[in-house]
């Protein structure tokens, strides 16, 4: 499955649980995650979308490390199984 198809699926899944998932574009900051999941209950999660089996690029790894070291949650999603896991973990209780 293409990255764009996975991106659409996860965005729609987030919307079904009451959230929003806009693209994140930050000029001058290469490697920032593709999407920000704005979830019910005041939770925000950063998501990097990748084609199936593709690893994070060095700048993406750096951003993931920076975000998690600051207490933020970062996900890499590259499969439908990742989408299911992500939704289960972020779904409001």
N, C-alpha and C. Protein backbone atom coordinates (compact mmCIF):
# COMPACT_ATOMS: atom_id res chain seq x y z
N UNK A 1 0.85 -1.18 0.00
CA UNK A 1 0.00 0.00 0.00
C UNK A 1 0.89 1.24 0.00
N UNK A 2 0.49 2.21 -0.76
CA UNK A 2 1.27 3.45 -0.86
C UNK A 2 1.15 4.29 0.41
N UNK A 3 2.19 5.11 0.63
CA UNK A 3 2.20 6.00 1.80
C UNK A 3 0.97 6.89 1.82
N UNK A 4 0.59 7.42 0.65
CA UNK A 4 -0.56 8.34 0.60
C UNK A 4 -1.85 7.63 1.02
N UNK A 5 -1.99 6.36 0.66
CA UNK A 5 -3.19 5.60 1.05
C UNK A 5 -3.20 5.35 2.56
N UNK A 6 -2.04 5.03 3.12
CA UNK A 6 -1.94 4.85 4.56
C UNK A 6 -2.25 6.15 5.29
N UNK A 7 -1.75 7.25 4.75
CA UNK A 7 -1.97 8.56 5.36
C UNK A 7 -3.46 8.90 5.40
N UNK A 8 -4.15 8.60 4.32
CA UNK A 8 -5.60 8.85 4.27
C UNK A 8 -6.32 7.97 5.29
N UNK A 9 -5.95 6.70 5.38
CA UNK A 9 -6.60 5.78 6.32
C UNK A 9 -6.42 6.22 7.76
N UNK A 10 -5.21 6.61 8.13
CA UNK A 10 -4.99 7.02 9.52
C UNK A 10 -5.71 8.33 9.81
N UNK A 11 -5.73 9.24 8.86
CA UNK A 11 -6.45 10.51 9.07
C UNK A 11 -7.94 10.25 9.31
N UNK A 12 -8.52 9.39 8.48
CA UNK A 12 -9.95 9.07 8.64
C UNK A 12 -10.20 8.35 9.96
N UNK A 13 -9.30 7.47 10.37
CA UNK A 13 -9.44 6.76 11.65
C UNK A 13 -9.40 7.74 12.82
N UNK A 14 -8.51 8.71 12.75
CA UNK A 14 -8.43 9.72 13.81
C UNK A 14 -9.71 10.55 13.84
N UNK A 15 -10.23 10.90 12.69
CA UNK A 15 -11.48 11.67 12.64
C UNK A 15 -12.64 10.86 13.22
N UNK A 16 -12.66 9.53 13.00
CA UNK A 16 -13.73 8.68 13.54
C UNK A 16 -13.73 8.67 15.07
N UNK A 17 -12.58 8.87 15.70
CA UNK A 17 -12.55 8.90 17.17
C UNK A 17 -12.66 10.33 17.71
N UNK A 18 -12.99 11.27 16.82
CA UNK A 18 -13.25 12.64 17.25
C UNK A 18 -12.06 13.58 17.18
N UNK A 19 -10.99 13.18 16.50
CA UNK A 19 -9.81 14.02 16.41
C UNK A 19 -9.64 14.66 15.04
N UNK A 20 -8.56 15.34 14.90
CA UNK A 20 -8.16 15.97 13.63
C UNK A 20 -6.71 15.58 13.38
N UNK A 21 -6.31 15.54 12.11
CA UNK A 21 -4.93 15.15 11.80
C UNK A 21 -4.41 15.95 10.61
N UNK A 22 -4.14 17.24 10.82
CA UNK A 22 -3.63 18.06 9.72
C UNK A 22 -2.18 17.74 9.39
N UNK A 23 -1.81 18.07 8.16
CA UNK A 23 -0.40 17.98 7.77
C UNK A 23 0.37 19.03 8.55
N UNK A 24 1.62 18.72 8.86
CA UNK A 24 2.48 19.68 9.53
C UNK A 24 3.57 20.08 8.56
N UNK A 25 3.58 21.34 8.22
CA UNK A 25 4.63 21.89 7.36
C UNK A 25 5.30 22.99 8.16
N UNK A 26 6.62 22.88 8.31
CA UNK A 26 7.36 23.85 9.10
C UNK A 26 8.55 24.33 8.27
N UNK A 27 8.35 25.40 7.49
CA UNK A 27 9.44 25.89 6.63
C UNK A 27 10.74 26.09 7.42
N UNK A 28 11.82 25.60 6.85
CA UNK A 28 13.13 25.75 7.48
C UNK A 28 13.44 24.67 8.49
N UNK A 29 12.52 23.73 8.69
CA UNK A 29 12.71 22.65 9.66
C UNK A 29 12.49 21.30 8.98
N UNK A 30 13.43 20.91 8.15
CA UNK A 30 13.31 19.64 7.44
C UNK A 30 13.28 18.49 8.43
N UNK A 31 12.51 17.46 8.09
CA UNK A 31 12.45 16.27 8.91
C UNK A 31 11.36 16.25 9.95
N UNK A 32 10.58 17.35 10.08
CA UNK A 32 9.49 17.32 11.06
C UNK A 32 8.48 16.26 10.64
N UNK A 33 7.76 15.68 11.60
CA UNK A 33 6.76 14.66 11.26
C UNK A 33 5.72 15.20 10.27
N UNK A 34 5.15 14.26 9.49
CA UNK A 34 4.18 14.62 8.45
C UNK A 34 2.87 15.17 9.00
N UNK A 35 2.43 14.61 10.12
CA UNK A 35 1.11 14.93 10.64
C UNK A 35 1.16 15.18 12.14
N UNK A 36 0.19 15.97 12.59
CA UNK A 36 -0.05 16.17 14.02
C UNK A 36 -1.44 15.62 14.30
N UNK A 37 -1.55 14.66 15.19
CA UNK A 37 -2.85 14.12 15.58
C UNK A 37 -3.32 14.92 16.79
N UNK A 38 -4.39 15.66 16.60
CA UNK A 38 -4.99 16.46 17.67
C UNK A 38 -6.18 15.65 18.16
N UNK A 39 -6.04 15.10 19.35
CA UNK A 39 -6.97 14.10 19.85
C UNK A 39 -7.89 14.64 20.93
N UNK A 40 -9.04 13.99 21.13
CA UNK A 40 -9.91 14.38 22.24
C UNK A 40 -9.17 14.30 23.57
N UNK A 41 -9.58 15.12 24.49
CA UNK A 41 -8.96 15.12 25.81
C UNK A 41 -7.70 15.95 25.90
N UNK A 42 -7.44 16.77 24.87
CA UNK A 42 -6.29 17.67 24.91
C UNK A 42 -4.96 17.02 24.60
N UNK A 43 -4.98 15.87 23.95
CA UNK A 43 -3.74 15.15 23.63
C UNK A 43 -3.31 15.46 22.20
N UNK A 44 -2.02 15.65 22.02
CA UNK A 44 -1.43 15.88 20.70
C UNK A 44 -0.29 14.90 20.49
N UNK A 45 -0.28 14.26 19.31
CA UNK A 45 0.71 13.24 18.99
C UNK A 45 1.29 13.54 17.61
N UNK A 46 2.58 13.33 17.45
CA UNK A 46 3.26 13.57 16.18
C UNK A 46 3.39 12.25 15.42
N UNK A 47 3.11 12.28 14.11
CA UNK A 47 3.11 11.06 13.31
C UNK A 47 3.93 11.25 12.04
N UNK A 48 4.87 10.34 11.84
CA UNK A 48 5.64 10.29 10.59
C UNK A 48 5.09 9.14 9.76
N UNK A 49 4.63 9.44 8.57
CA UNK A 49 4.12 8.43 7.65
C UNK A 49 5.24 8.01 6.72
N UNK A 50 5.35 6.69 6.52
CA UNK A 50 6.37 6.16 5.62
C UNK A 50 5.74 5.10 4.72
N UNK A 51 6.33 4.90 3.56
CA UNK A 51 5.93 3.80 2.70
C UNK A 51 6.26 2.50 3.44
N UNK A 52 5.51 1.42 3.17
CA UNK A 52 5.76 0.16 3.87
C UNK A 52 7.23 -0.26 3.82
N UNK A 53 7.77 -0.54 5.02
CA UNK A 53 9.14 -1.02 5.13
C UNK A 53 10.22 0.03 5.07
N UNK A 54 9.86 1.28 4.83
CA UNK A 54 10.86 2.35 4.73
C UNK A 54 11.23 2.87 6.13
N UNK A 55 12.52 3.03 6.39
CA UNK A 55 12.95 3.56 7.69
C UNK A 55 12.86 5.09 7.73
N UNK A 56 12.96 5.63 8.92
CA UNK A 56 13.04 7.08 9.07
C UNK A 56 14.37 7.57 8.50
N UNK A 57 14.35 8.73 7.87
CA UNK A 57 15.57 9.37 7.41
C UNK A 57 16.31 9.93 8.63
N UNK A 58 17.61 10.23 8.49
CA UNK A 58 18.36 10.76 9.65
C UNK A 58 17.72 11.98 10.30
N UNK A 59 17.24 12.94 9.53
CA UNK A 59 16.60 14.12 10.14
C UNK A 59 15.29 13.76 10.83
N UNK A 60 14.57 12.80 10.27
CA UNK A 60 13.32 12.35 10.90
C UNK A 60 13.62 11.64 12.22
N UNK A 61 14.67 10.84 12.25
CA UNK A 61 15.08 10.19 13.50
C UNK A 61 15.45 11.23 14.55
N UNK A 62 16.16 12.27 14.11
CA UNK A 62 16.56 13.34 15.03
C UNK A 62 15.33 14.03 15.62
N UNK A 63 14.36 14.35 14.77
CA UNK A 63 13.13 14.98 15.26
C UNK A 63 12.38 14.06 16.22
N UNK A 64 12.29 12.77 15.88
CA UNK A 64 11.61 11.81 16.75
C UNK A 64 12.28 11.78 18.13
N UNK A 65 13.60 11.75 18.13
CA UNK A 65 14.35 11.73 19.39
C UNK A 65 14.13 13.03 20.17
N UNK A 66 14.18 14.15 19.48
CA UNK A 66 13.98 15.45 20.13
C UNK A 66 12.59 15.53 20.75
N UNK A 67 11.58 15.15 20.00
CA UNK A 67 10.20 15.23 20.50
C UNK A 67 10.00 14.31 21.70
N UNK A 68 10.46 13.07 21.59
CA UNK A 68 10.26 12.14 22.70
C UNK A 68 11.07 12.55 23.94
N UNK A 69 12.25 13.14 23.73
CA UNK A 69 13.04 13.58 24.88
C UNK A 69 12.39 14.75 25.61
N UNK A 70 11.50 15.45 24.91
CA UNK A 70 10.77 16.57 25.51
C UNK A 70 9.42 16.12 26.08
N UNK A 71 9.17 14.80 26.05
CA UNK A 71 7.94 14.28 26.63
C UNK A 71 6.77 14.13 25.68
N UNK A 72 7.02 14.38 24.39
CA UNK A 72 5.95 14.23 23.39
C UNK A 72 5.91 12.80 22.88
N UNK A 73 4.79 12.43 22.29
CA UNK A 73 4.64 11.10 21.71
C UNK A 73 4.83 11.20 20.21
N UNK A 74 5.63 10.28 19.66
CA UNK A 74 5.94 10.25 18.23
C UNK A 74 5.71 8.83 17.73
N UNK A 75 4.99 8.71 16.62
CA UNK A 75 4.76 7.42 15.99
C UNK A 75 5.30 7.44 14.57
N UNK A 76 5.81 6.31 14.15
CA UNK A 76 6.13 6.06 12.74
C UNK A 76 5.09 5.04 12.28
N UNK A 77 4.36 5.37 11.22
CA UNK A 77 3.34 4.47 10.70
C UNK A 77 3.70 4.11 9.26
N UNK A 78 3.81 2.78 9.01
CA UNK A 78 4.11 2.34 7.65
C UNK A 78 3.30 1.11 7.24
N UNK A 79 2.22 0.82 7.99
CA UNK A 79 1.39 -0.34 7.64
C UNK A 79 -0.01 -0.17 8.24
N UNK A 80 -0.93 -0.97 7.76
CA UNK A 80 -2.29 -0.96 8.33
C UNK A 80 -2.25 -1.45 9.77
N UNK A 81 -1.38 -2.40 10.08
CA UNK A 81 -1.24 -2.88 11.46
C UNK A 81 -0.78 -1.74 12.38
N UNK A 82 0.13 -0.89 11.88
CA UNK A 82 0.57 0.27 12.66
C UNK A 82 -0.60 1.22 12.92
N UNK A 83 -1.48 1.39 11.93
CA UNK A 83 -2.64 2.27 12.10
C UNK A 83 -3.55 1.71 13.20
N UNK A 84 -3.83 0.41 13.16
CA UNK A 84 -4.68 -0.22 14.17
C UNK A 84 -4.09 -0.05 15.57
N UNK A 85 -2.77 -0.30 15.70
CA UNK A 85 -2.10 -0.15 16.99
C UNK A 85 -2.17 1.30 17.47
N UNK A 86 -1.88 2.23 16.55
CA UNK A 86 -1.92 3.66 16.88
C UNK A 86 -3.30 4.06 17.41
N UNK A 87 -4.35 3.69 16.70
CA UNK A 87 -5.71 4.06 17.11
C UNK A 87 -6.04 3.45 18.47
N UNK A 88 -5.69 2.19 18.68
CA UNK A 88 -5.93 1.55 19.97
C UNK A 88 -5.22 2.29 21.12
N UNK A 89 -4.01 2.74 20.85
CA UNK A 89 -3.22 3.40 21.90
C UNK A 89 -3.67 4.83 22.16
N UNK A 90 -4.21 5.52 21.17
CA UNK A 90 -4.58 6.93 21.38
C UNK A 90 -6.08 7.13 21.60
N UNK A 91 -6.87 6.08 21.41
CA UNK A 91 -8.32 6.20 21.55
C UNK A 91 -8.66 6.63 22.97
N UNK A 92 -9.58 7.58 23.09
CA UNK A 92 -9.99 8.02 24.43
C UNK A 92 -10.57 6.86 25.22
N UNK A 93 -10.25 6.79 26.48
CA UNK A 93 -10.73 5.69 27.34
C UNK A 93 -12.12 5.99 27.85
